[in-house]
């Protein structure tokens, strides 16, 4: 069973340089909508174990990464492939929207 990876300012570059697509959930403890999408991201981590890397960045504890990507609204989910942003989602969406974005990168 896959588990979301805790991504920090220190390991971010290493994580997004994965050969697999990477979904990064920018969130914060005080963010209500983040709590709604969190369990969805966890489910996706389980379903995409071995196919994609699923991680979370706590924006309060990792200001460098958040600033680098101009994260102003949370939750913001970024999809990376080969270290580059290939898709973006701001706000809470159904799980199917996120899985479609990941599936598009699995080809």
PDB file of N, CA and C in Angstrom:
ATOM      1  N   UNK A   1       0.853  -1.193   0.000  1.00  0.00           N
ATOM      2  CA  UNK A   1       0.000   0.000   0.000  1.00  0.00           C
ATOM      3  C   UNK A   1       0.894   1.251   0.000  1.00  0.00           C
ATOM      4  N   UNK A   2       0.678   2.100  -0.951  1.00  0.00           N
ATOM      5  CA  UNK A   2       1.471   3.327  -1.034  1.00  0.00           C
ATOM      6  C   UNK A   2       1.079   4.321   0.039  1.00  0.00           C
ATOM      7  N   UNK A   3       1.947   5.230   0.303  1.00  0.00           N
ATOM      8  CA  UNK A   3       1.695   6.243   1.312  1.00  0.00           C
ATOM      9  C   UNK A   3       2.229   7.556   0.754  1.00  0.00           C
ATOM     10  N   UNK A   4       1.563   8.652   1.127  1.00  0.00           N
ATOM     11  CA  UNK A   4       2.068   9.928   0.638  1.00  0.00           C
ATOM     12  C   UNK A   4       3.412  10.215   1.271  1.00  0.00           C
ATOM     13  N   UNK A   5       4.266  10.814   0.481  1.00  0.00           N
ATOM     14  CA  UNK A   5       5.608  11.161   0.900  1.00  0.00           C
ATOM     15  C   UNK A   5       5.579  12.566   1.486  1.00  0.00           C
ATOM     16  N   UNK A   6       6.232  12.758   2.610  1.00  0.00           N
ATOM     17  CA  UNK A   6       6.338  14.111   3.153  1.00  0.00           C
ATOM     18  C   UNK A   6       7.458  14.822   2.402  1.00  0.00           C
ATOM     19  N   UNK A   7       7.079  15.875   1.695  1.00  0.00           N
ATOM     20  CA  UNK A   7       8.047  16.617   0.898  1.00  0.00           C
ATOM     21  C   UNK A   7       8.380  17.921   1.630  1.00  0.00           C
ATOM     22  N   UNK A   8       9.674  18.225   1.686  1.00  0.00           N
ATOM     23  CA  UNK A   8      10.130  19.417   2.401  1.00  0.00           C
ATOM     24  C   UNK A   8      10.984  20.281   1.474  1.00  0.00           C
ATOM     25  N   UNK A   9      11.341  21.457   1.961  1.00  0.00           N
ATOM     26  CA  UNK A   9      12.262  22.316   1.213  1.00  0.00           C
ATOM     27  C   UNK A   9      13.542  21.551   0.875  1.00  0.00           C
ATOM     28  N   UNK A  10      13.965  20.658   1.775  1.00  0.00           N
ATOM     29  CA  UNK A  10      15.237  19.947   1.616  1.00  0.00           C
ATOM     30  C   UNK A  10      15.201  18.819   0.586  1.00  0.00           C
ATOM     31  N   UNK A  11      14.076  18.105   0.471  1.00  0.00           N
ATOM     32  CA  UNK A  11      14.062  16.945  -0.439  1.00  0.00           C
ATOM     33  C   UNK A  11      13.246  17.187  -1.703  1.00  0.00           C
ATOM     34  N   UNK A  12      12.696  18.373  -1.870  1.00  0.00           N
ATOM     35  CA  UNK A  12      11.784  18.647  -2.980  1.00  0.00           C
ATOM     36  C   UNK A  12      12.395  18.350  -4.344  1.00  0.00           C
ATOM     37  N   UNK A  13      13.570  18.907  -4.618  1.00  0.00           N
ATOM     38  CA  UNK A  13      14.193  18.736  -5.937  1.00  0.00           C
ATOM     39  C   UNK A  13      14.442  17.255  -6.235  1.00  0.00           C
ATOM     40  N   UNK A  14      14.867  16.530  -5.224  1.00  0.00           N
ATOM     41  CA  UNK A  14      15.128  15.099  -5.381  1.00  0.00           C
ATOM     42  C   UNK A  14      13.838  14.357  -5.727  1.00  0.00           C
ATOM     43  N   UNK A  15      12.752  14.706  -5.039  1.00  0.00           N
ATOM     44  CA  UNK A  15      11.472  14.020  -5.256  1.00  0.00           C
ATOM     45  C   UNK A  15      10.932  14.294  -6.664  1.00  0.00           C
ATOM     46  N   UNK A  16      10.934  15.557  -7.094  1.00  0.00           N
ATOM     47  CA  UNK A  16      10.327  15.856  -8.403  1.00  0.00           C
ATOM     48  C   UNK A  16      11.189  15.399  -9.575  1.00  0.00           C
ATOM     49  N   UNK A  17      12.430  15.043  -9.325  1.00  0.00           N
ATOM     50  CA  UNK A  17      13.275  14.556 -10.413  1.00  0.00           C
ATOM     51  C   UNK A  17      13.070  13.054 -10.650  1.00  0.00           C
ATOM     52  N   UNK A  18      12.090  12.477  -9.980  1.00  0.00           N
ATOM     53  CA  UNK A  18      11.761  11.064 -10.160  1.00  0.00           C
ATOM     54  C   UNK A  18      11.438  10.777 -11.628  1.00  0.00           C
ATOM     55  N   UNK A  19      11.705   9.548 -12.054  1.00  0.00           N
ATOM     56  CA  UNK A  19      11.334   9.146 -13.409  1.00  0.00           C
ATOM     57  C   UNK A  19       9.831   8.941 -13.523  1.00  0.00           C
ATOM     58  N   UNK A  20       9.172   8.765 -12.394  1.00  0.00           N
ATOM     59  CA  UNK A  20       7.716   8.602 -12.370  1.00  0.00           C
ATOM     60  C   UNK A  20       7.054   9.976 -12.288  1.00  0.00           C
ATOM     61  N   UNK A  21       5.810  10.098 -12.753  1.00  0.00           N
ATOM     62  CA  UNK A  21       5.080  11.349 -12.528  1.00  0.00           C
ATOM     63  C   UNK A  21       4.959  11.596 -11.026  1.00  0.00           C
ATOM     64  N   UNK A  22       4.936  12.863 -10.627  1.00  0.00           N
ATOM     65  CA  UNK A  22       4.854  13.225  -9.210  1.00  0.00           C
ATOM     66  C   UNK A  22       3.676  14.173  -8.997  1.00  0.00           C
ATOM     67  N   UNK A  23       2.789  13.813  -8.085  1.00  0.00           N
ATOM     68  CA  UNK A  23       1.681  14.682  -7.687  1.00  0.00           C
ATOM     69  C   UNK A  23       2.030  15.275  -6.328  1.00  0.00           C
ATOM     70  N   UNK A  24       2.063  16.600  -6.242  1.00  0.00           N
ATOM     71  CA  UNK A  24       2.409  17.269  -4.991  1.00  0.00           C
ATOM     72  C   UNK A  24       1.216  18.071  -4.505  1.00  0.00           C
ATOM     73  N   UNK A  25       0.787  17.784  -3.287  1.00  0.00           N
ATOM     74  CA  UNK A  25      -0.330  18.475  -2.641  1.00  0.00           C
ATOM     75  C   UNK A  25       0.247  19.516  -1.676  1.00  0.00           C
ATOM     76  N   UNK A  26       0.052  20.803  -1.997  1.00  0.00           N
ATOM     77  CA  UNK A  26       0.455  21.886  -1.094  1.00  0.00           C
ATOM     78  C   UNK A  26      -0.716  22.137  -0.157  1.00  0.00           C
ATOM     79  N   UNK A  27      -0.472  22.029   1.150  1.00  0.00           N
ATOM     80  CA  UNK A  27      -1.551  22.101   2.133  1.00  0.00           C
ATOM     81  C   UNK A  27      -1.062  22.763   3.415  1.00  0.00           C
ATOM     82  N   UNK A  28      -2.002  22.978   4.353  1.00  0.00           N
ATOM     83  CA  UNK A  28      -1.665  23.468   5.692  1.00  0.00           C
ATOM     84  C   UNK A  28      -2.665  22.904   6.691  1.00  0.00           C
ATOM     85  N   UNK A  29      -2.220  22.767   7.917  1.00  0.00           N
ATOM     86  CA  UNK A  29      -3.043  22.192   8.986  1.00  0.00           C
ATOM     87  C   UNK A  29      -4.336  22.976   9.196  1.00  0.00           C
ATOM     88  N   UNK A  30      -4.290  24.306   9.059  1.00  0.00           N
ATOM     89  CA  UNK A  30      -5.438  25.169   9.343  1.00  0.00           C
ATOM     90  C   UNK A  30      -6.414  25.314   8.169  1.00  0.00           C
ATOM     91  N   UNK A  31      -6.103  24.677   7.056  1.00  0.00           N
ATOM     92  CA  UNK A  31      -6.874  24.846   5.826  1.00  0.00           C
ATOM     93  C   UNK A  31      -7.999  23.812   5.748  1.00  0.00           C
ATOM     94  N   UNK A  32      -9.244  24.278   5.849  1.00  0.00           N
ATOM     95  CA  UNK A  32     -10.404  23.384   5.788  1.00  0.00           C
ATOM     96  C   UNK A  32     -10.486  22.566   4.509  1.00  0.00           C
ATOM     97  N   UNK A  33     -10.421  23.220   3.335  1.00  0.00           N
ATOM     98  CA  UNK A  33     -10.488  22.463   2.078  1.00  0.00           C
ATOM     99  C   UNK A  33      -9.347  21.443   1.945  1.00  0.00           C
ATOM    100  N   UNK A  34      -8.190  21.750   2.539  1.00  0.00           N
ATOM    101  CA  UNK A  34      -7.061  20.808   2.493  1.00  0.00           C
ATOM    102  C   UNK A  34      -7.430  19.508   3.208  1.00  0.00           C
ATOM    103  N   UNK A  35      -8.183  19.632   4.281  1.00  0.00           N
ATOM    104  CA  UNK A  35      -8.607  18.455   5.042  1.00  0.00           C
ATOM    105  C   UNK A  35      -9.595  17.621   4.227  1.00  0.00           C
ATOM    106  N   UNK A  36     -10.331  18.282   3.307  1.00  0.00           N
ATOM    107  CA  UNK A  36     -11.274  17.553   2.460  1.00  0.00           C
ATOM    108  C   UNK A  36     -10.543  16.756   1.378  1.00  0.00           C
ATOM    109  N   UNK A  37      -9.495  17.329   0.819  1.00  0.00           N
ATOM    110  CA  UNK A  37      -8.811  16.655  -0.295  1.00  0.00           C
ATOM    111  C   UNK A  37      -7.716  15.700   0.199  1.00  0.00           C
ATOM    112  N   UNK A  38      -7.275  15.887   1.446  1.00  0.00           N
ATOM    113  CA  UNK A  38      -6.224  15.029   2.009  1.00  0.00           C
ATOM    114  C   UNK A  38      -6.494  13.542   1.886  1.00  0.00           C
ATOM    115  N   UNK A  39      -7.670  13.065   2.314  1.00  0.00           N
ATOM    116  CA  UNK A  39      -7.954  11.625   2.208  1.00  0.00           C
ATOM    117  C   UNK A  39      -7.971  11.132   0.759  1.00  0.00           C
ATOM    118  N   UNK A  40      -8.387  11.988  -0.176  1.00  0.00           N
ATOM    119  CA  UNK A  40      -8.395  11.627  -1.596  1.00  0.00           C
ATOM    120  C   UNK A  40      -6.958  11.417  -2.069  1.00  0.00           C
ATOM    121  N   UNK A  41      -6.072  12.333  -1.664  1.00  0.00           N
ATOM    122  CA  UNK A  41      -4.663  12.226  -2.048  1.00  0.00           C
ATOM    123  C   UNK A  41      -4.057  10.935  -1.464  1.00  0.00           C
ATOM    124  N   UNK A  42      -4.438  10.604  -0.231  1.00  0.00           N
ATOM    125  CA  UNK A  42      -3.957   9.366   0.398  1.00  0.00           C
ATOM    126  C   UNK A  42      -4.422   8.139  -0.397  1.00  0.00           C
ATOM    127  N   UNK A  43      -5.699   8.148  -0.822  1.00  0.00           N
ATOM    128  CA  UNK A  43      -6.232   7.035  -1.610  1.00  0.00           C
ATOM    129  C   UNK A  43      -5.452   6.877  -2.912  1.00  0.00           C
ATOM    130  N   UNK A  44      -5.204   7.997  -3.575  1.00  0.00           N
ATOM    131  CA  UNK A  44      -4.463   7.972  -4.844  1.00  0.00           C
ATOM    132  C   UNK A  44      -3.065   7.401  -4.621  1.00  0.00           C
ATOM    133  N   UNK A  45      -2.443   7.760  -3.493  1.00  0.00           N
ATOM    134  CA  UNK A  45      -1.106   7.244  -3.187  1.00  0.00           C
ATOM    135  C   UNK A  45      -1.127   5.716  -3.141  1.00  0.00           C
ATOM    136  N   UNK A  46      -2.168   5.157  -2.578  1.00  0.00           N
ATOM    137  CA  UNK A  46      -2.294   3.701  -2.521  1.00  0.00           C
ATOM    138  C   UNK A  46      -2.507   3.090  -3.888  1.00  0.00           C
ATOM    139  N   UNK A  47      -3.373   3.717  -4.684  1.00  0.00           N
ATOM    140  CA  UNK A  47      -3.719   3.170  -5.992  1.00  0.00           C
ATOM    141  C   UNK A  47      -2.586   3.310  -7.016  1.00  0.00           C
ATOM    142  N   UNK A  48      -1.755   4.333  -6.849  1.00  0.00           N
ATOM    143  CA  UNK A  48      -0.697   4.589  -7.832  1.00  0.00           C
ATOM    144  C   UNK A  48       0.679   4.164  -7.331  1.00  0.00           C
ATOM    145  N   UNK A  49       0.695   3.361  -6.275  1.00  0.00           N
ATOM    146  CA  UNK A  49       1.966   2.884  -5.729  1.00  0.00           C
ATOM    147  C   UNK A  49       2.755   2.176  -6.828  1.00  0.00           C
ATOM    148  N   UNK A  50       3.980   2.628  -7.073  1.00  0.00           N
ATOM    149  CA  UNK A  50       4.807   2.031  -8.112  1.00  0.00           C
ATOM    150  C   UNK A  50       4.624   2.665  -9.482  1.00  0.00           C
ATOM    151  N   UNK A  51       3.538   3.444  -9.652  1.00  0.00           N
ATOM    152  CA  UNK A  51       3.278   4.090 -10.943  1.00  0.00           C
ATOM    153  C   UNK A  51       3.544   5.586 -10.905  1.00  0.00           C
ATOM    154  N   UNK A  52       3.399   6.179  -9.702  1.00  0.00           N
ATOM    155  CA  UNK A  52       3.593   7.621  -9.539  1.00  0.00           C
ATOM    156  C   UNK A  52       4.022   7.884  -8.101  1.00  0.00           C
ATOM    157  N   UNK A  53       4.633   9.037  -7.897  1.00  0.00           N
ATOM    158  CA  UNK A  53       5.021   9.460  -6.558  1.00  0.00           C
ATOM    159  C   UNK A  53       3.987  10.483  -6.099  1.00  0.00           C
ATOM    160  N   UNK A  54       3.423  10.267  -4.918  1.00  0.00           N
ATOM    161  CA  UNK A  54       2.405  11.171  -4.386  1.00  0.00           C
ATOM    162  C   UNK A  54       2.957  11.760  -3.094  1.00  0.00           C
ATOM    163  N   UNK A  55       3.020  13.093  -3.031  1.00  0.00           N
ATOM    164  CA  UNK A  55       3.592  13.725  -1.851  1.00  0.00           C
ATOM    165  C   UNK A  55       2.825  14.954  -1.415  1.00  0.00           C
ATOM    166  N   UNK A  56       3.130  15.391  -0.209  1.00  0.00           N
ATOM    167  CA  UNK A  56       2.471  16.557   0.377  1.00  0.00           C
ATOM    168  C   UNK A  56       3.519  17.524   0.904  1.00  0.00           C
ATOM    169  N   UNK A  57       3.267  18.819   0.686  1.00  0.00           N
ATOM    170  CA  UNK A  57       4.139  19.869   1.211  1.00  0.00           C
ATOM    171  C   UNK A  57       3.313  20.719   2.170  1.00  0.00           C
ATOM    172  N   UNK A  58       3.718  20.762   3.431  1.00  0.00           N
ATOM    173  CA  UNK A  58       3.090  21.650   4.414  1.00  0.00           C
ATOM    174  C   UNK A  58       3.659  23.049   4.163  1.00  0.00           C
ATOM    175  N   UNK A  59       2.810  23.950   3.649  1.00  0.00           N
ATOM    176  CA  UNK A  59       3.305  25.270   3.232  1.00  0.00           C
ATOM    177  C   UNK A  59       3.847  26.094   4.398  1.00  0.00           C
ATOM    178  N   UNK A  60       3.331  25.856   5.597  1.00  0.00           N
ATOM    179  CA  UNK A  60       3.800  26.617   6.766  1.00  0.00           C
ATOM    180  C   UNK A  60       5.225  26.233   7.149  1.00  0.00           C
ATOM    181  N   UNK A  61       5.557  24.950   6.960  1.00  0.00           N
ATOM    182  CA  UNK A  61       6.879  24.466   7.355  1.00  0.00           C
ATOM    183  C   UNK A  61       7.896  24.484   6.224  1.00  0.00           C
ATOM    184  N   UNK A  62       7.448  24.744   5.006  1.00  0.00           N
ATOM    185  CA  UNK A  62       8.330  24.705   3.835  1.00  0.00           C
ATOM    186  C   UNK A  62       8.107  25.916   2.936  1.00  0.00           C
ATOM    187  N   UNK A  63       8.440  27.101   3.441  1.00  0.00           N
ATOM    188  CA  UNK A  63       8.152  28.331   2.698  1.00  0.00           C
ATOM    189  C   UNK A  63       8.954  28.494   1.410  1.00  0.00           C
ATOM    190  N   UNK A  64      10.127  27.883   1.321  1.00  0.00           N
ATOM    191  CA  UNK A  64      10.955  28.058   0.122  1.00  0.00           C
ATOM    192  C   UNK A  64      10.294  27.435  -1.106  1.00  0.00           C
ATOM    193  N   UNK A  65       9.853  26.192  -0.981  1.00  0.00           N
ATOM    194  CA  UNK A  65       9.203  25.511  -2.103  1.00  0.00           C
ATOM    195  C   UNK A  65       7.896  26.219  -2.459  1.00  0.00           C
ATOM    196  N   UNK A  66       7.134  26.583  -1.459  1.00  0.00           N
ATOM    197  CA  UNK A  66       5.859  27.248  -1.701  1.00  0.00           C
ATOM    198  C   UNK A  66       6.066  28.563  -2.445  1.00  0.00           C
ATOM    199  N   UNK A  67       7.081  29.318  -2.048  1.00  0.00           N
ATOM    200  CA  UNK A  67       7.377  30.597  -2.700  1.00  0.00           C
ATOM    201  C   UNK A  67       7.882  30.374  -4.123  1.00  0.00           C
ATOM    202  N   UNK A  68       8.702  29.361  -4.298  1.00  0.00           N
ATOM    203  CA  UNK A  68       9.283  29.078  -5.620  1.00  0.00           C
ATOM    204  C   UNK A  68       8.195  28.867  -6.674  1.00  0.00           C
ATOM    205  N   UNK A  69       7.118  28.217  -6.273  1.00  0.00           N
ATOM    206  CA  UNK A  69       6.048  27.912  -7.221  1.00  0.00           C
ATOM    207  C   UNK A  69       4.861  28.867  -7.089  1.00  0.00           C
ATOM    208  N   UNK A  70       5.031  29.934  -6.316  1.00  0.00           N
ATOM    209  CA  UNK A  70       3.992  30.951  -6.203  1.00  0.00           C
ATOM    210  C   UNK A  70       2.685  30.432  -5.646  1.00  0.00           C
ATOM    211  N   UNK A  71       2.781  29.541  -4.674  1.00  0.00           N
ATOM    212  CA  UNK A  71       1.566  28.965  -4.082  1.00  0.00           C
ATOM    213  C   UNK A  71       0.902  30.024  -3.205  1.00  0.00           C
ATOM    214  N   UNK A  72      -0.279  30.478  -3.628  1.00  0.00           N
ATOM    215  CA  UNK A  72      -1.018  31.495  -2.865  1.00  0.00           C
ATOM    216  C   UNK A  72      -2.330  30.957  -2.329  1.00  0.00           C
ATOM    217  N   UNK A  73      -2.905  30.012  -3.037  1.00  0.00           N
ATOM    218  CA  UNK A  73      -4.152  29.387  -2.611  1.00  0.00           C
ATOM    219  C   UNK A  73      -3.870  27.927  -2.318  1.00  0.00           C
ATOM    220  N   UNK A  74      -4.444  27.444  -1.231  1.00  0.00           N
ATOM    221  CA  UNK A  74      -4.299  26.019  -0.950  1.00  0.00           C
ATOM    222  C   UNK A  74      -5.687  25.436  -0.723  1.00  0.00           C
ATOM    223  N   UNK A  75      -5.905  24.183  -1.050  1.00  0.00           N
ATOM    224  CA  UNK A  75      -4.900  23.290  -1.609  1.00  0.00           C
ATOM    225  C   UNK A  75      -4.568  23.612  -3.075  1.00  0.00           C
ATOM    226  N   UNK A  76      -3.294  23.504  -3.400  1.00  0.00           N
ATOM    227  CA  UNK A  76      -2.840  23.528  -4.785  1.00  0.00           C
ATOM    228  C   UNK A  76      -2.126  22.214  -5.029  1.00  0.00           C
ATOM    229  N   UNK A  77      -2.478  21.562  -6.121  1.00  0.00           N
ATOM    230  CA  UNK A  77      -1.838  20.300  -6.482  1.00  0.00           C
ATOM    231  C   UNK A  77      -1.121  20.487  -7.802  1.00  0.00           C
ATOM    232  N   UNK A  78       0.158  20.151  -7.812  1.00  0.00           N
ATOM    233  CA  UNK A  78       0.963  20.259  -9.019  1.00  0.00           C
ATOM    234  C   UNK A  78       1.374  18.858  -9.463  1.00  0.00           C
ATOM    235  N   UNK A  79       1.355  18.642 -10.772  1.00  0.00           N
ATOM    236  CA  UNK A  79       1.828  17.380 -11.327  1.00  0.00           C
ATOM    237  C   UNK A  79       3.137  17.680 -12.061  1.00  0.00           C
ATOM    238  N   UNK A  80       4.173  16.929 -11.706  1.00  0.00           N
ATOM    239  CA  UNK A  80       5.492  17.090 -12.318  1.00  0.00           C
ATOM    240  C   UNK A  80       5.823  15.854 -13.149  1.00  0.00           C
ATOM    241  N   UNK A  81       6.524  16.080 -14.241  1.00  0.00           N
ATOM    242  CA  UNK A  81       7.103  14.968 -15.005  1.00  0.00           C
ATOM    243  C   UNK A  81       8.479  15.428 -15.438  1.00  0.00           C
ATOM    244  N   UNK A  82       9.480  14.599 -15.152  1.00  0.00           N
ATOM    245  CA  UNK A  82      10.877  14.936 -15.442  1.00  0.00           C
ATOM    246  C   UNK A  82      11.270  16.293 -14.841  1.00  0.00           C
ATOM    247  N   UNK A  83      10.762  16.575 -13.632  1.00  0.00           N
ATOM    248  CA  UNK A  83      11.138  17.793 -12.921  1.00  0.00           C
ATOM    249  C   UNK A  83      10.401  19.047 -13.355  1.00  0.00           C
ATOM    250  N   UNK A  84       9.496  18.926 -14.348  1.00  0.00           N
ATOM    251  CA  UNK A  84       8.773  20.092 -14.857  1.00  0.00           C
ATOM    252  C   UNK A  84       7.295  20.002 -14.488  1.00  0.00           C
ATOM    253  N   UNK A  85       6.669  21.153 -14.227  1.00  0.00           N
ATOM    254  CA  UNK A  85       5.222  21.168 -13.968  1.00  0.00           C
ATOM    255  C   UNK A  85       4.500  20.887 -15.281  1.00  0.00           C
ATOM    256  N   UNK A  86       3.639  19.872 -15.279  1.00  0.00           N
ATOM    257  CA  UNK A  86       2.871  19.547 -16.481  1.00  0.00           C
ATOM    258  C   UNK A  86       1.374  19.742 -16.272  1.00  0.00           C
ATOM    259  N   UNK A  87       0.950  19.911 -15.014  1.00  0.00           N
ATOM    260  CA  UNK A  87      -0.464  20.145 -14.747  1.00  0.00           C
ATOM    261  C   UNK A  87      -0.608  20.766 -13.369  1.00  0.00           C
ATOM    262  N   UNK A  88      -1.754  21.421 -13.163  1.00  0.00           N
ATOM    263  CA  UNK A  88      -1.978  22.154 -11.911  1.00  0.00           C
ATOM    264  C   UNK A  88      -3.460  22.130 -11.583  1.00  0.00           C
ATOM    265  N   UNK A  89      -3.778  22.021 -10.309  1.00  0.00           N
ATOM    266  CA  UNK A  89      -5.165  22.077  -9.857  1.00  0.00           C
ATOM    267  C   UNK A  89      -5.210  22.881  -8.569  1.00  0.00           C
ATOM    268  N   UNK A  90      -6.049  23.906  -8.548  1.00  0.00           N
ATOM    269  CA  UNK A  90      -6.218  24.699  -7.333  1.00  0.00           C
ATOM    270  C   UNK A  90      -7.609  24.427  -6.782  1.00  0.00           C
ATOM    271  N   UNK A  91      -7.672  24.136  -5.491  1.00  0.00           N
ATOM    272  CA  UNK A  91      -8.961  23.897  -4.841  1.00  0.00           C
ATOM    273  C   UNK A  91      -9.341  22.426  -4.815  1.00  0.00           C
ATOM    274  N   UNK A  92     -10.458  22.163  -4.144  1.00  0.00           N
ATOM    275  CA  UNK A  92     -10.933  20.795  -3.968  1.00  0.00           C
ATOM    276  C   UNK A  92     -11.669  20.348  -5.228  1.00  0.00           C
ATOM    277  N   UNK A  93     -11.310  19.170  -5.702  1.00  0.00           N
ATOM    278  CA  UNK A  93     -11.958  18.584  -6.878  1.00  0.00           C
ATOM    279  C   UNK A  93     -12.225  17.112  -6.600  1.00  0.00           C
ATOM    280  N   UNK A  94     -13.111  16.496  -7.381  1.00  0.00           N
ATOM    281  CA  UNK A  94     -13.322  15.056  -7.220  1.00  0.00           C
ATOM    282  C   UNK A  94     -12.045  14.279  -7.536  1.00  0.00           C
ATOM    283  N   UNK A  95     -11.949  13.116  -6.940  1.00  0.00           N
ATOM    284  CA  UNK A  95     -10.783  12.255  -7.136  1.00  0.00           C
ATOM    285  C   UNK A  95     -10.527  12.007  -8.618  1.00  0.00           C
ATOM    286  N   UNK A  96     -11.590  11.836  -9.403  1.00  0.00           N
ATOM    287  CA  UNK A  96     -11.439  11.511 -10.826  1.00  0.00           C
ATOM    288  C   UNK A  96     -10.659  12.582 -11.583  1.00  0.00           C
ATOM    289  N   UNK A  97     -10.797  13.835 -11.170  1.00  0.00           N
ATOM    290  CA  UNK A  97     -10.068  14.923 -11.833  1.00  0.00           C
ATOM    291  C   UNK A  97      -8.564  14.738 -11.630  1.00  0.00           C
ATOM    292  N   UNK A  98      -8.179  14.399 -10.412  1.00  0.00           N
ATOM    293  CA  UNK A  98      -6.755  14.200 -10.108  1.00  0.00           C
ATOM    294  C   UNK A  98      -6.202  12.950 -10.785  1.00  0.00           C
ATOM    295  N   UNK A  99      -6.982  11.867 -10.795  1.00  0.00           N
ATOM    296  CA  UNK A  99      -6.487  10.640 -11.415  1.00  0.00           C
ATOM    297  C   UNK A  99      -6.358  10.810 -12.928  1.00  0.00           C
ATOM    298  N   UNK A 100      -7.249  11.590 -13.537  1.00  0.00           N
ATOM    299  CA  UNK A 100      -7.132  11.854 -14.981  1.00  0.00           C
ATOM    300  C   UNK A 100      -5.835  12.601 -15.276  1.00  0.00           C
ATOM    301  N   UNK A 101      -5.494  13.567 -14.422  1.00  0.00           N
ATOM    302  CA  UNK A 101      -4.265  14.338 -14.622  1.00  0.00           C
ATOM    303  C   UNK A 101      -3.038  13.431 -14.511  1.00  0.00           C
ATOM    304  N   UNK A 102      -3.073  12.517 -13.548  1.00  0.00           N
ATOM    305  CA  UNK A 102      -1.949  11.574 -13.398  1.00  0.00           C
ATOM    306  C   UNK A 102      -1.901  10.582 -14.547  1.00  0.00           C
ATOM    307  N   UNK A 103      -3.071  10.040 -14.908  1.00  0.00           N
ATOM    308  CA  UNK A 103      -3.124   9.052 -15.988  1.00  0.00           C
ATOM    309  C   UNK A 103      -2.559   9.619 -17.286  1.00  0.00           C
ATOM    310  N   UNK A 104      -2.785  10.908 -17.533  1.00  0.00           N
ATOM    311  CA  UNK A 104      -2.292  11.542 -18.751  1.00  0.00           C
ATOM    312  C   UNK A 104      -0.770  11.523 -18.812  1.00  0.00           C
ATOM    313  N   UNK A 105      -0.116  11.418 -17.642  1.00  0.00           N
ATOM    314  CA  UNK A 105       1.354  11.424 -17.586  1.00  0.00           C
ATOM    315  C   UNK A 105       1.961  10.020 -17.557  1.00  0.00           C
ATOM    316  N   UNK A 106       1.121   9.015 -17.504  1.00  0.00           N
ATOM    317  CA  UNK A 106       1.617   7.644 -17.384  1.00  0.00           C
ATOM    318  C   UNK A 106       1.927   6.993 -18.729  1.00  0.00           C
ATOM    319  N   UNK A 107       1.635   7.683 -19.816  1.00  0.00           N
ATOM    320  CA  UNK A 107       1.847   7.090 -21.146  1.00  0.00           C
ATOM    321  C   UNK A 107       3.325   7.045 -21.501  1.00  0.00           C
TER     322      UNK A 107
END
